[in-house]
Amino acid sequence: AGGGWCGGAWRLAGVGVWGVVGMCGAVGRRRRTGCRTGLGLALVLGGAIGNLGDRLRFGHVVDFIQVHYGDLYWPAFNVADSAITVGAALLILDALRSRRKHA
């Protein structure tokens, strides 16, 4: 998928750096996190760092897992994408649970 440092690759790498810095700040500001919240943040941060590493090294993210059934194909993804997705889901579930407790 795409290649090199032409076009928006530098911008995407910059967004990735800002995202990682922001997540590190969020982790640092948390005084007391629940297990799910800490795990969710760690998964999102780890996935962001993994994708940023690919982008800095290769100019694009390397996707290598392709799932299909017959002629139906799911978009290609990598382990970092999976970590981000699972981490975001944990953060959303934790937010919904916390909201329900306080209501």
PDB file of N, CA and C in Angstrom:
ATOM      1  N   ALA A   1       0.845  -1.176   0.000  1.00  0.00           N
ATOM      2  CA  ALA A   1       0.000   0.000   0.000  1.00  0.00           C
ATOM      3  C   ALA A   1       0.878   1.222   0.000  1.00  0.00           C
ATOM      4  N   GLY A   2       0.824   1.984  -1.066  1.00  0.00           N
ATOM      5  CA  GLY A   2       1.581   3.226  -1.144  1.00  0.00           C
ATOM      6  C   GLY A   2       3.045   3.008  -0.890  1.00  0.00           C
ATOM      7  N   GLY A   3       3.840   4.007  -1.020  1.00  0.00           N
ATOM      8  CA  GLY A   3       5.236   3.815  -0.694  1.00  0.00           C
ATOM      9  C   GLY A   3       5.998   5.107  -0.707  1.00  0.00           C
ATOM     10  N   GLY A   4       7.111   5.082  -0.063  1.00  0.00           N
ATOM     11  CA  GLY A   4       8.019   6.208  -0.078  1.00  0.00           C
ATOM     12  C   GLY A   4       7.546   7.361   0.786  1.00  0.00           C
ATOM     13  N   TRP A   5       8.362   8.409   0.759  1.00  0.00           N
ATOM     14  CA  TRP A   5       8.095   9.567   1.601  1.00  0.00           C
ATOM     15  C   TRP A   5       7.464  10.711   0.838  1.00  0.00           C
ATOM     16  N   CYS A   6       6.947  10.433  -0.361  1.00  0.00           N
ATOM     17  CA  CYS A   6       6.296  11.499  -1.116  1.00  0.00           C
ATOM     18  C   CYS A   6       4.886  11.721  -0.579  1.00  0.00           C
ATOM     19  N   GLY A   7       4.337  12.861  -0.879  1.00  0.00           N
ATOM     20  CA  GLY A   7       2.954  13.140  -0.501  1.00  0.00           C
ATOM     21  C   GLY A   7       2.761  13.290   0.988  1.00  0.00           C
ATOM     22  N   GLY A   8       1.775  12.573   1.529  1.00  0.00           N
ATOM     23  CA  GLY A   8       1.379  12.769   2.918  1.00  0.00           C
ATOM     24  C   GLY A   8       2.096  11.905   3.922  1.00  0.00           C
ATOM     25  N   ALA A   9       3.131  11.180   3.525  1.00  0.00           N
ATOM     26  CA  ALA A   9       3.805  10.288   4.472  1.00  0.00           C
ATOM     27  C   ALA A   9       4.400  11.054   5.646  1.00  0.00           C
ATOM     28  N   TRP A  10       4.994  12.205   5.389  1.00  0.00           N
ATOM     29  CA  TRP A  10       5.563  13.012   6.478  1.00  0.00           C
ATOM     30  C   TRP A  10       4.472  13.511   7.404  1.00  0.00           C
ATOM     31  N   ARG A  11       3.352  13.946   6.815  1.00  0.00           N
ATOM     32  CA  ARG A  11       2.244  14.422   7.646  1.00  0.00           C
ATOM     33  C   ARG A  11       1.696  13.303   8.522  1.00  0.00           C
ATOM     34  N   LEU A  12       1.538  12.113   7.946  1.00  0.00           N
ATOM     35  CA  LEU A  12       1.027  10.985   8.732  1.00  0.00           C
ATOM     36  C   LEU A  12       1.998  10.591   9.841  1.00  0.00           C
ATOM     37  N   ALA A  13       3.293  10.640   9.552  1.00  0.00           N
ATOM     38  CA  ALA A  13       4.289  10.350  10.591  1.00  0.00           C
ATOM     39  C   ALA A  13       4.195  11.401  11.693  1.00  0.00           C
ATOM     40  N   GLY A  14       3.997  12.663  11.312  1.00  0.00           N
ATOM     41  CA  GLY A  14       3.848  13.730  12.306  1.00  0.00           C
ATOM     42  C   GLY A  14       2.623  13.535  13.170  1.00  0.00           C
ATOM     43  N   VAL A  15       1.522  13.151  12.548  1.00  0.00           N
ATOM     44  CA  VAL A  15       0.301  12.858  13.308  1.00  0.00           C
ATOM     45  C   VAL A  15       0.561  11.690  14.262  1.00  0.00           C
ATOM     46  N   GLY A  16       1.282  10.691  13.795  1.00  0.00           N
ATOM     47  CA  GLY A  16       1.614   9.544  14.646  1.00  0.00           C
ATOM     48  C   GLY A  16       2.456   9.947  15.844  1.00  0.00           C
ATOM     49  N   VAL A  17       3.440  10.806  15.615  1.00  0.00           N
ATOM     50  CA  VAL A  17       4.288  11.275  16.724  1.00  0.00           C
ATOM     51  C   VAL A  17       3.443  12.037  17.736  1.00  0.00           C
ATOM     52  N   TRP A  18       2.587  12.948  17.267  1.00  0.00           N
ATOM     53  CA  TRP A  18       1.725  13.704  18.168  1.00  0.00           C
ATOM     54  C   TRP A  18       0.774  12.779  18.925  1.00  0.00           C
ATOM     55  N   GLY A  19       0.265  11.753  18.245  1.00  0.00           N
ATOM     56  CA  GLY A  19      -0.607  10.799  18.911  1.00  0.00           C
ATOM     57  C   GLY A  19       0.106  10.041  20.016  1.00  0.00           C
ATOM     58  N   VAL A  20       1.330   9.606  19.741  1.00  0.00           N
ATOM     59  CA  VAL A  20       2.108   8.881  20.752  1.00  0.00           C
ATOM     60  C   VAL A  20       2.433   9.797  21.925  1.00  0.00           C
ATOM     61  N   VAL A  21       2.838  11.032  21.645  1.00  0.00           N
ATOM     62  CA  VAL A  21       3.139  11.990  22.714  1.00  0.00           C
ATOM     63  C   VAL A  21       1.885  12.253  23.545  1.00  0.00           C
ATOM     64  N   GLY A  22       0.752  12.427  22.874  1.00  0.00           N
ATOM     65  CA  GLY A  22      -0.496  12.656  23.587  1.00  0.00           C
ATOM     66  C   GLY A  22      -0.899  11.485  24.466  1.00  0.00           C
ATOM     67  N   MET A  23      -0.735  10.276  23.943  1.00  0.00           N
ATOM     68  CA  MET A  23      -1.070   9.081  24.731  1.00  0.00           C
ATOM     69  C   MET A  23      -0.133   8.946  25.933  1.00  0.00           C
ATOM     70  N   CYS A  24       1.150   9.234  25.743  1.00  0.00           N
ATOM     71  CA  CYS A  24       2.088   9.185  26.872  1.00  0.00           C
ATOM     72  C   CYS A  24       1.673  10.192  27.938  1.00  0.00           C
ATOM     73  N   GLY A  25       1.247  11.382  27.501  1.00  0.00           N
ATOM     74  CA  GLY A  25       0.765  12.384  28.447  1.00  0.00           C
ATOM     75  C   GLY A  25      -0.474  11.912  29.186  1.00  0.00           C
ATOM     76  N   ALA A  26      -1.385  11.249  28.466  1.00  0.00           N
ATOM     77  CA  ALA A  26      -2.610  10.740  29.092  1.00  0.00           C
ATOM     78  C   ALA A  26      -2.277   9.672  30.127  1.00  0.00           C
ATOM     79  N   VAL A  27      -1.335   8.817  29.794  1.00  0.00           N
ATOM     80  CA  VAL A  27      -0.930   7.769  30.738  1.00  0.00           C
ATOM     81  C   VAL A  27      -0.271   8.407  31.957  1.00  0.00           C
ATOM     82  N   GLY A  28       0.573   9.416  31.731  1.00  0.00           N
ATOM     83  CA  GLY A  28       1.266  10.083  32.835  1.00  0.00           C
ATOM     84  C   GLY A  28       0.332  10.846  33.754  1.00  0.00           C
ATOM     85  N   ARG A  29      -0.765  11.395  33.226  1.00  0.00           N
ATOM     86  CA  ARG A  29      -1.717  12.169  34.029  1.00  0.00           C
ATOM     87  C   ARG A  29      -2.657  11.300  34.847  1.00  0.00           C
ATOM     88  N   ARG A  30      -2.776  10.044  34.501  1.00  0.00           N
ATOM     89  CA  ARG A  30      -3.714   9.168  35.211  1.00  0.00           C
ATOM     90  C   ARG A  30      -3.137   8.811  36.573  1.00  0.00           C
ATOM     91  N   ARG A  31      -3.825   9.213  37.627  1.00  0.00           N
ATOM     92  CA  ARG A  31      -3.353   8.867  38.965  1.00  0.00           C
ATOM     93  C   ARG A  31      -3.733   7.438  39.313  1.00  0.00           C
ATOM     94  N   ARG A  32      -4.983   7.127  39.047  1.00  0.00           N
ATOM     95  CA  ARG A  32      -5.469   5.793  39.383  1.00  0.00           C
ATOM     96  C   ARG A  32      -6.263   5.271  38.203  1.00  0.00           C
ATOM     97  N   THR A  33      -5.755   4.240  37.552  1.00  0.00           N
ATOM     98  CA  THR A  33      -6.478   3.687  36.414  1.00  0.00           C
ATOM     99  C   THR A  33      -6.940   2.283  36.750  1.00  0.00           C
ATOM    100  N   GLY A  34      -8.088   1.954  36.225  1.00  0.00           N
ATOM    101  CA  GLY A  34      -8.556   0.589  36.361  1.00  0.00           C
ATOM    102  C   GLY A  34      -7.736  -0.302  35.447  1.00  0.00           C
ATOM    103  N   CYS A  35      -7.792  -1.584  35.679  1.00  0.00           N
ATOM    104  CA  CYS A  35      -7.010  -2.527  34.877  1.00  0.00           C
ATOM    105  C   CYS A  35      -7.375  -2.415  33.402  1.00  0.00           C
ATOM    106  N   ARG A  36      -8.669  -2.343  33.095  1.00  0.00           N
ATOM    107  CA  ARG A  36      -9.086  -2.253  31.693  1.00  0.00           C
ATOM    108  C   ARG A  36      -8.613  -0.957  31.059  1.00  0.00           C
ATOM    109  N   THR A  37      -8.699   0.151  31.817  1.00  0.00           N
ATOM    110  CA  THR A  37      -8.270   1.436  31.272  1.00  0.00           C
ATOM    111  C   THR A  37      -6.778   1.411  30.985  1.00  0.00           C
ATOM    112  N   GLY A  38      -5.978   0.919  31.928  1.00  0.00           N
ATOM    113  CA  GLY A  38      -4.533   0.848  31.727  1.00  0.00           C
ATOM    114  C   GLY A  38      -4.170  -0.064  30.571  1.00  0.00           C
ATOM    115  N   LEU A  39      -4.814  -1.200  30.478  1.00  0.00           N
ATOM    116  CA  LEU A  39      -4.547  -2.135  29.389  1.00  0.00           C
ATOM    117  C   LEU A  39      -4.966  -1.533  28.056  1.00  0.00           C
ATOM    118  N   GLY A  40      -6.125  -0.882  28.029  1.00  0.00           N
ATOM    119  CA  GLY A  40      -6.594  -0.247  26.798  1.00  0.00           C
ATOM    120  C   GLY A  40      -5.633   0.821  26.315  1.00  0.00           C
ATOM    121  N   LEU A  41      -5.184   1.687  27.230  1.00  0.00           N
ATOM    122  CA  LEU A  41      -4.221   2.729  26.866  1.00  0.00           C
ATOM    123  C   LEU A  41      -2.916   2.121  26.377  1.00  0.00           C
ATOM    124  N   ALA A  42      -2.455   1.072  27.058  1.00  0.00           N
ATOM    125  CA  ALA A  42      -1.198   0.429  26.658  1.00  0.00           C
ATOM    126  C   ALA A  42      -1.305  -0.192  25.266  1.00  0.00           C
ATOM    127  N   LEU A  43      -2.428  -0.832  24.967  1.00  0.00           N
ATOM    128  CA  LEU A  43      -2.606  -1.437  23.647  1.00  0.00           C
ATOM    129  C   LEU A  43      -2.660  -0.383  22.545  1.00  0.00           C
ATOM    130  N   VAL A  44      -3.407   0.699  22.785  1.00  0.00           N
ATOM    131  CA  VAL A  44      -3.482   1.763  21.785  1.00  0.00           C
ATOM    132  C   VAL A  44      -2.107   2.401  21.592  1.00  0.00           C
ATOM    133  N   LEU A  45      -1.415   2.686  22.676  1.00  0.00           N
ATOM    134  CA  LEU A  45      -0.084   3.298  22.593  1.00  0.00           C
ATOM    135  C   LEU A  45       0.905   2.374  21.893  1.00  0.00           C
ATOM    136  N   GLY A  46       0.908   1.101  22.257  1.00  0.00           N
ATOM    137  CA  GLY A  46       1.805   0.141  21.608  1.00  0.00           C
ATOM    138  C   GLY A  46       1.535   0.001  20.124  1.00  0.00           C
ATOM    139  N   GLY A  47       0.269  -0.056  19.754  1.00  0.00           N
ATOM    140  CA  GLY A  47      -0.086  -0.145  18.340  1.00  0.00           C
ATOM    141  C   GLY A  47       0.316   1.100  17.575  1.00  0.00           C
ATOM    142  N   ALA A  48       0.117   2.266  18.196  1.00  0.00           N
ATOM    143  CA  ALA A  48       0.506   3.525  17.548  1.00  0.00           C
ATOM    144  C   ALA A  48       2.015   3.581  17.347  1.00  0.00           C
ATOM    145  N   ILE A  49       2.764   3.151  18.341  1.00  0.00           N
ATOM    146  CA  ILE A  49       4.227   3.135  18.214  1.00  0.00           C
ATOM    147  C   ILE A  49       4.659   2.150  17.133  1.00  0.00           C
ATOM    148  N   GLY A  50       4.014   0.991  17.070  1.00  0.00           N
ATOM    149  CA  GLY A  50       4.342   0.003  16.040  1.00  0.00           C
ATOM    150  C   GLY A  50       4.090   0.537  14.632  1.00  0.00           C
ATOM    151  N   ASN A  51       2.940   1.155  14.430  1.00  0.00           N
ATOM    152  CA  ASN A  51       2.630   1.718  13.113  1.00  0.00           C
ATOM    153  C   ASN A  51       3.542   2.901  12.797  1.00  0.00           C
ATOM    154  N   LEU A  52       3.860   3.716  13.802  1.00  0.00           N
ATOM    155  CA  LEU A  52       4.774   4.840  13.590  1.00  0.00           C
ATOM    156  C   LEU A  52       6.155   4.337  13.195  1.00  0.00           C
ATOM    157  N   GLY A  53       6.613   3.266  13.844  1.00  0.00           N
ATOM    158  CA  GLY A  53       7.908   2.681  13.478  1.00  0.00           C
ATOM    159  C   GLY A  53       7.943   2.234  12.027  1.00  0.00           C
ATOM    160  N   ASP A  54       6.882   1.581  11.582  1.00  0.00           N
ATOM    161  CA  ASP A  54       6.794   1.186  10.169  1.00  0.00           C
ATOM    162  C   ASP A  54       6.823   2.405   9.260  1.00  0.00           C
ATOM    163  N   ARG A  55       6.051   3.422   9.631  1.00  0.00           N
ATOM    164  CA  ARG A  55       5.963   4.611   8.782  1.00  0.00           C
ATOM    165  C   ARG A  55       7.317   5.324   8.693  1.00  0.00           C
ATOM    166  N   LEU A  56       8.039   5.411   9.806  1.00  0.00           N
ATOM    167  CA  LEU A  56       9.352   6.064   9.792  1.00  0.00           C
ATOM    168  C   LEU A  56      10.386   5.233   9.038  1.00  0.00           C
ATOM    169  N   ARG A  57      10.304   3.912   9.178  1.00  0.00           N
ATOM    170  CA  ARG A  57      11.285   3.037   8.529  1.00  0.00           C
ATOM    171  C   ARG A  57      11.020   2.839   7.046  1.00  0.00           C
ATOM    172  N   PHE A  58       9.763   2.612   6.678  1.00  0.00           N
ATOM    173  CA  PHE A  58       9.434   2.238   5.303  1.00  0.00           C
ATOM    174  C   PHE A  58       8.676   3.315   4.525  1.00  0.00           C
ATOM    175  N   GLY A  59       8.168   4.332   5.225  1.00  0.00           N
ATOM    176  CA  GLY A  59       7.364   5.345   4.560  1.00  0.00           C
ATOM    177  C   GLY A  59       5.900   4.966   4.467  1.00  0.00           C
ATOM    178  N   HIS A  60       5.534   3.790   4.943  1.00  0.00           N
ATOM    179  CA  HIS A  60       4.148   3.327   4.973  1.00  0.00           C
ATOM    180  C   HIS A  60       4.043   2.212   6.010  1.00  0.00           C
ATOM    181  N   VAL A  61       2.824   1.894   6.377  1.00  0.00           N
ATOM    182  CA  VAL A  61       2.588   0.822   7.352  1.00  0.00           C
ATOM    183  C   VAL A  61       2.510  -0.502   6.604  1.00  0.00           C
ATOM    184  N   VAL A  62       3.210  -1.497   7.119  1.00  0.00           N
ATOM    185  CA  VAL A  62       3.229  -2.817   6.488  1.00  0.00           C
ATOM    186  C   VAL A  62       2.063  -3.643   7.028  1.00  0.00           C
ATOM    187  N   ASP A  63       1.095  -3.924   6.178  1.00  0.00           N
ATOM    188  CA  ASP A  63      -0.041  -4.778   6.528  1.00  0.00           C
ATOM    189  C   ASP A  63       0.222  -6.160   5.945  1.00  0.00           C
ATOM    190  N   PHE A  64       0.110  -7.190   6.772  1.00  0.00           N
ATOM    191  CA  PHE A  64       0.470  -8.523   6.298  1.00  0.00           C
ATOM    192  C   PHE A  64      -0.543  -9.603   6.640  1.00  0.00           C
ATOM    193  N   ILE A  65      -1.643  -9.246   7.278  1.00  0.00           N
ATOM    194  CA  ILE A  65      -2.670 -10.235   7.593  1.00  0.00           C
ATOM    195  C   ILE A  65      -3.856  -9.977   6.669  1.00  0.00           C
ATOM    196  N   GLN A  66      -4.203 -10.954   5.866  1.00  0.00           N
ATOM    197  CA  GLN A  66      -5.316 -10.821   4.915  1.00  0.00           C
ATOM    198  C   GLN A  66      -6.334 -11.913   5.222  1.00  0.00           C
ATOM    199  N   VAL A  67      -7.544 -11.526   5.529  1.00  0.00           N
ATOM    200  CA  VAL A  67      -8.609 -12.473   5.852  1.00  0.00           C
ATOM    201  C   VAL A  67      -9.637 -12.422   4.725  1.00  0.00           C
ATOM    202  N   HIS A  68     -10.046 -13.606   4.270  1.00  0.00           N
ATOM    203  CA  HIS A  68     -11.073 -13.636   3.229  1.00  0.00           C
ATOM    204  C   HIS A  68     -11.910 -14.898   3.349  1.00  0.00           C
ATOM    205  N   TYR A  69     -13.080 -14.817   2.770  1.00  0.00           N
ATOM    206  CA  TYR A  69     -13.970 -15.967   2.669  1.00  0.00           C
ATOM    207  C   TYR A  69     -14.475 -15.974   1.236  1.00  0.00           C
ATOM    208  N   GLY A  70     -14.018 -16.939   0.465  1.00  0.00           N
ATOM    209  CA  GLY A  70     -14.378 -16.975  -0.950  1.00  0.00           C
ATOM    210  C   GLY A  70     -13.840 -15.746  -1.655  1.00  0.00           C
ATOM    211  N   ASP A  71     -14.740 -14.979  -2.264  1.00  0.00           N
ATOM    212  CA  ASP A  71     -14.348 -13.752  -2.955  1.00  0.00           C
ATOM    213  C   ASP A  71     -14.494 -12.509  -2.080  1.00  0.00           C
ATOM    214  N   LEU A  72     -14.877 -12.678  -0.824  1.00  0.00           N
ATOM    215  CA  LEU A  72     -15.046 -11.550   0.092  1.00  0.00           C
ATOM    216  C   LEU A  72     -13.764 -11.349   0.892  1.00  0.00           C
ATOM    217  N   TYR A  73     -13.172 -10.160   0.799  1.00  0.00           N
ATOM    218  CA  TYR A  73     -11.914  -9.858   1.473  1.00  0.00           C
ATOM    219  C   TYR A  73     -12.094  -8.748   2.496  1.00  0.00           C
ATOM    220  N   TRP A  74     -11.577  -8.982   3.709  1.00  0.00           N
ATOM    221  CA  TRP A  74     -11.503  -7.959   4.732  1.00  0.00           C
ATOM    222  C   TRP A  74     -10.247  -7.144   4.440  1.00  0.00           C
ATOM    223  N   PRO A  75     -10.252  -5.830   4.699  1.00  0.00           N
ATOM    224  CA  PRO A  75      -9.039  -5.045   4.435  1.00  0.00           C
ATOM    225  C   PRO A  75      -7.825  -5.616   5.191  1.00  0.00           C
ATOM    226  N   ALA A  76      -6.671  -5.566   4.552  1.00  0.00           N
ATOM    227  CA  ALA A  76      -5.438  -6.081   5.168  1.00  0.00           C
ATOM    228  C   ALA A  76      -5.113  -5.269   6.420  1.00  0.00           C
ATOM    229  N   PHE A  77      -4.521  -5.928   7.416  1.00  0.00           N
ATOM    230  CA  PHE A  77      -4.169  -5.260   8.662  1.00  0.00           C
ATOM    231  C   PHE A  77      -2.922  -5.911   9.246  1.00  0.00           C
ATOM    232  N   ASN A  78      -2.447  -5.386  10.370  1.00  0.00           N
ATOM    233  CA  ASN A  78      -1.273  -5.940  11.038  1.00  0.00           C
ATOM    234  C   ASN A  78      -1.552  -6.066  12.535  1.00  0.00           C
ATOM    235  N   VAL A  79      -0.572  -6.534  13.281  1.00  0.00           N
ATOM    236  CA  VAL A  79      -0.749  -6.741  14.717  1.00  0.00           C
ATOM    237  C   VAL A  79      -0.986  -5.411  15.432  1.00  0.00           C
ATOM    238  N   ALA A  80      -0.292  -4.353  15.000  1.00  0.00           N
ATOM    239  CA  ALA A  80      -0.474  -3.043  15.625  1.00  0.00           C
ATOM    240  C   ALA A  80      -1.908  -2.552  15.446  1.00  0.00           C
ATOM    241  N   ASP A  81      -2.481  -2.743  14.265  1.00  0.00           N
ATOM    242  CA  ASP A  81      -3.873  -2.361  14.031  1.00  0.00           C
ATOM    243  C   ASP A  81      -4.808  -3.125  14.964  1.00  0.00           C
ATOM    244  N   SER A  82      -4.525  -4.400  15.168  1.00  0.00           N
ATOM    245  CA  SER A  82      -5.344  -5.215  16.070  1.00  0.00           C
ATOM    246  C   SER A  82      -5.243  -4.703  17.503  1.00  0.00           C
ATOM    247  N   ALA A  83      -4.034  -4.346  17.938  1.00  0.00           N
ATOM    248  CA  ALA A  83      -3.840  -3.822  19.293  1.00  0.00           C
ATOM    249  C   ALA A  83      -4.610  -2.517  19.483  1.00  0.00           C
ATOM    250  N   ILE A  84      -4.557  -1.640  18.499  1.00  0.00           N
ATOM    251  CA  ILE A  84      -5.283  -0.371  18.578  1.00  0.00           C
ATOM    252  C   ILE A  84      -6.787  -0.624  18.675  1.00  0.00           C
ATOM    253  N   THR A  85      -7.295  -1.538  17.876  1.00  0.00           N
ATOM    254  CA  THR A  85      -8.731  -1.832  17.871  1.00  0.00           C
ATOM    255  C   THR A  85      -9.185  -2.417  19.202  1.00  0.00           C
ATOM    256  N   VAL A  86      -8.445  -3.401  19.709  1.00  0.00           N
ATOM    257  CA  VAL A  86      -8.814  -4.024  20.991  1.00  0.00           C
ATOM    258  C   VAL A  86      -8.682  -3.004  22.123  1.00  0.00           C
ATOM    259  N   GLY A  87      -7.614  -2.209  22.111  1.00  0.00           N
ATOM    260  CA  GLY A  87      -7.425  -1.187  23.144  1.00  0.00           C
ATOM    261  C   GLY A  87      -8.535  -0.153  23.134  1.00  0.00           C
ATOM    262  N   ALA A  88      -8.925   0.310  21.950  1.00  0.00           N
ATOM    263  CA  ALA A  88     -10.012   1.285  21.848  1.00  0.00           C
ATOM    264  C   ALA A  88     -11.322   0.684  22.347  1.00  0.00           C
ATOM    265  N   ALA A  89     -11.570  -0.582  22.014  1.00  0.00           N
ATOM    266  CA  ALA A  89     -12.789  -1.243  22.485  1.00  0.00           C
ATOM    267  C   ALA A  89     -12.799  -1.328  24.015  1.00  0.00           C
ATOM    268  N   LEU A  90     -11.655  -1.654  24.622  1.00  0.00           N
ATOM    269  CA  LEU A  90     -11.573  -1.706  26.088  1.00  0.00           C
ATOM    270  C   LEU A  90     -11.819  -0.331  26.706  1.00  0.00           C
ATOM    271  N   LEU A  91     -11.269   0.713  26.106  1.00  0.00           N
ATOM    272  CA  LEU A  91     -11.481   2.065  26.622  1.00  0.00           C
ATOM    273  C   LEU A  91     -12.958   2.471  26.524  1.00  0.00           C
ATOM    274  N   ILE A  92     -13.600   2.128  25.420  1.00  0.00           N
ATOM    275  CA  ILE A  92     -15.018   2.448  25.254  1.00  0.00           C
ATOM    276  C   ILE A  92     -15.859   1.682  26.267  1.00  0.00           C
ATOM    277  N   LEU A  93     -15.593   0.384  26.429  1.00  0.00           N
ATOM    278  CA  LEU A  93     -16.343  -0.416  27.403  1.00  0.00           C
ATOM    279  C   LEU A  93     -16.156   0.121  28.815  1.00  0.00           C
ATOM    280  N   ASP A  94     -14.927   0.502  29.162  1.00  0.00           N
ATOM    281  CA  ASP A  94     -14.658   1.038  30.492  1.00  0.00           C
ATOM    282  C   ASP A  94     -15.389   2.367  30.703  1.00  0.00           C
ATOM    283  N   ALA A  95     -15.407   3.211  29.670  1.00  0.00           N
ATOM    284  CA  ALA A  95     -16.113   4.494  29.777  1.00  0.00           C
ATOM    285  C   ALA A  95     -17.610   4.274  29.964  1.00  0.00           C
ATOM    286  N   LEU A  96     -18.173   3.322  29.232  1.00  0.00           N
ATOM    287  CA  LEU A  96     -19.600   3.024  29.375  1.00  0.00           C
ATOM    288  C   LEU A  96     -19.912   2.469  30.761  1.00  0.00           C
ATOM    289  N   ARG A  97     -19.039   1.617  31.265  1.00  0.00           N
ATOM    290  CA  ARG A  97     -19.240   1.059  32.609  1.00  0.00           C
ATOM    291  C   ARG A  97     -19.137   2.129  33.677  1.00  0.00           C
ATOM    292  N   SER A  98     -18.154   3.001  33.554  1.00  0.00           N
ATOM    293  CA  SER A  98     -17.982   4.084  34.528  1.00  0.00           C
ATOM    294  C   SER A  98     -19.174   5.019  34.500  1.00  0.00           C
ATOM    295  N   ARG A  99     -19.673   5.310  33.322  1.00  0.00           N
ATOM    296  CA  ARG A  99     -20.828   6.200  33.180  1.00  0.00           C
ATOM    297  C   ARG A  99     -22.062   5.585  33.829  1.00  0.00           C
ATOM    298  N   ARG A 100     -22.228   4.276  33.662  1.00  0.00           N
ATOM    299  CA  ARG A 100     -23.373   3.584  34.241  1.00  0.00           C
ATOM    300  C   ARG A 100     -23.275   3.572  35.771  1.00  0.00           C
ATOM    301  N   LYS A 101     -22.041   3.423  36.324  1.00  0.00           N
ATOM    302  CA  LYS A 101     -21.857   3.421  37.770  1.00  0.00           C
ATOM    303  C   LYS A 101     -22.207   4.770  38.396  1.00  0.00           C
ATOM    304  N   HIS A 102     -21.839   5.862  37.692  1.00  0.00           N
ATOM    305  CA  HIS A 102     -22.062   7.200  38.237  1.00  0.00           C
ATOM    306  C   HIS A 102     -23.476   7.695  38.012  1.00  0.00           C
ATOM    307  N   ALA A 103     -24.244   7.020  37.189  1.00  0.00           N
ATOM    308  CA  ALA A 103     -25.620   7.474  36.900  1.00  0.00           C
ATOM    309  C   ALA A 103     -26.609   7.011  37.951  1.00  0.00           C
TER     310      ALA A 103
END
